[in-house]
Amino acid sequence: MLRCLMEKKEWDDEEYLVRAAGYCLLKFGHVYIWPVDELSADLELTISAYDRLLSISDNQINESFQPQLDQELTELKARLKSISSR
């Protein structure tokens, strides 16, 4: 599900799906839970989707989500960096 969603080229009005997929990866995307051979690729896809979500003009994204999205993106990037350094 995660990969199918993140690989979509256009996903207007699907902000909640990106956030739900990101949440799943934040909660379960650890080397002892997530398939290790897929974790880096899934993190990269999710980071890309968050970047696209954050690049949407302010009038299309709920501004109250901005700080949370920034925090989630920072955590995803940190996780990718930590597994890439192994």
Protein backbone atom coordinates (compact mmCIF):
# COMPACT_ATOMS: atom_id res chain seq x y z
CA MET A 1 0.00 0.00 0.00
CA LEU A 2 2.71 2.44 0.99
CA ARG A 3 4.70 2.02 -2.19
CA CYS A 4 1.60 2.24 -4.42
CA LEU A 5 0.53 5.46 -2.77
CA MET A 6 3.92 7.11 -2.72
CA GLU A 7 4.65 6.30 -6.36
CA LYS A 8 1.51 8.07 -7.57
CA LYS A 9 2.42 11.05 -9.72
CA GLU A 10 -0.65 13.09 -8.80
CA TRP A 11 -2.65 12.81 -5.63
CA ASP A 12 -4.74 15.93 -5.17
CA ASP A 13 -6.87 15.86 -2.04
CA GLU A 14 -5.05 12.79 -0.74
CA GLU A 15 -2.98 14.57 1.89
CA TYR A 16 -4.53 12.37 4.57
CA LEU A 17 -3.34 9.22 2.75
CA VAL A 18 0.24 10.47 2.57
CA ARG A 19 0.14 11.31 6.25
CA ALA A 20 -1.37 7.92 7.11
CA ALA A 21 1.29 6.09 5.12
CA GLY A 22 3.97 8.26 6.72
CA TYR A 23 2.59 7.50 10.15
CA CYS A 24 2.76 3.77 9.47
CA LEU A 25 6.37 4.10 8.40
CA LEU A 26 7.23 6.24 11.42
CA LYS A 27 5.67 3.71 13.78
CA PHE A 28 6.68 0.45 12.10
CA GLY A 29 9.62 1.43 9.90
CA HIS A 30 12.33 -0.04 12.08
CA VAL A 31 14.82 -2.68 10.98
CA TYR A 32 13.38 -5.21 13.41
CA ILE A 33 9.81 -4.74 12.10
CA TRP A 34 9.92 -3.52 8.47
CA PRO A 35 11.45 -5.69 5.74
CA VAL A 36 15.08 -4.56 5.84
CA ASP A 37 15.64 -4.78 2.10
CA GLU A 38 12.68 -2.39 1.48
CA LEU A 39 13.12 0.10 4.31
CA SER A 40 15.51 2.54 2.61
CA ALA A 41 13.46 2.67 -0.59
CA ASP A 42 10.22 3.14 1.35
CA LEU A 43 11.74 5.92 3.44
CA GLU A 44 12.98 7.67 0.29
CA LEU A 45 9.54 7.43 -1.34
CA THR A 46 7.82 8.73 1.77
CA ILE A 47 10.27 11.62 2.13
CA SER A 48 9.64 12.50 -1.51
CA ALA A 49 5.87 12.43 -0.98
CA TYR A 50 6.18 14.66 2.10
CA ASP A 51 8.36 17.07 0.12
CA ARG A 52 5.70 17.22 -2.60
CA LEU A 53 2.99 17.70 0.00
CA LEU A 54 4.90 20.56 1.61
CA SER A 55 5.49 22.20 -1.78
CA ILE A 56 1.74 22.57 -2.36
CA SER A 57 0.72 26.19 -2.14
CA ASP A 58 -0.47 27.34 1.28
CA ASN A 59 -4.06 27.76 0.18
CA GLN A 60 -4.30 24.03 -0.64
CA ILE A 61 -2.81 22.62 2.55
CA ASN A 62 -4.20 23.08 6.02
CA GLU A 63 -1.72 25.41 7.72
CA SER A 64 -2.27 23.75 11.08
CA PHE A 65 -0.60 20.61 9.68
CA GLN A 66 2.61 22.42 8.65
CA PRO A 67 4.53 22.06 11.95
CA GLN A 68 3.56 18.40 12.30
CA LEU A 69 4.52 17.68 8.68
CA ASP A 70 7.89 19.35 9.23
CA GLN A 71 8.49 17.28 12.35
CA GLU A 72 7.49 14.02 10.65
CA LEU A 73 9.71 14.80 7.66
CA THR A 74 12.65 15.52 9.94
CA GLU A 75 12.13 12.20 11.71
CA LEU A 76 11.86 10.29 8.42
CA LYS A 77 15.09 11.86 7.15
CA ALA A 78 16.87 11.07 10.40
CA ARG A 79 15.74 7.46 10.21
CA LEU A 80 16.97 7.16 6.62
CA LYS A 81 20.31 8.66 7.59
CA SER A 82 20.67 6.27 10.55
CA ILE A 83 20.02 3.13 8.49
CA SER A 84 22.16 4.38 5.62
CA SER A 85 25.15 4.76 7.94
CA ARG A 86 25.03 1.08 8.95
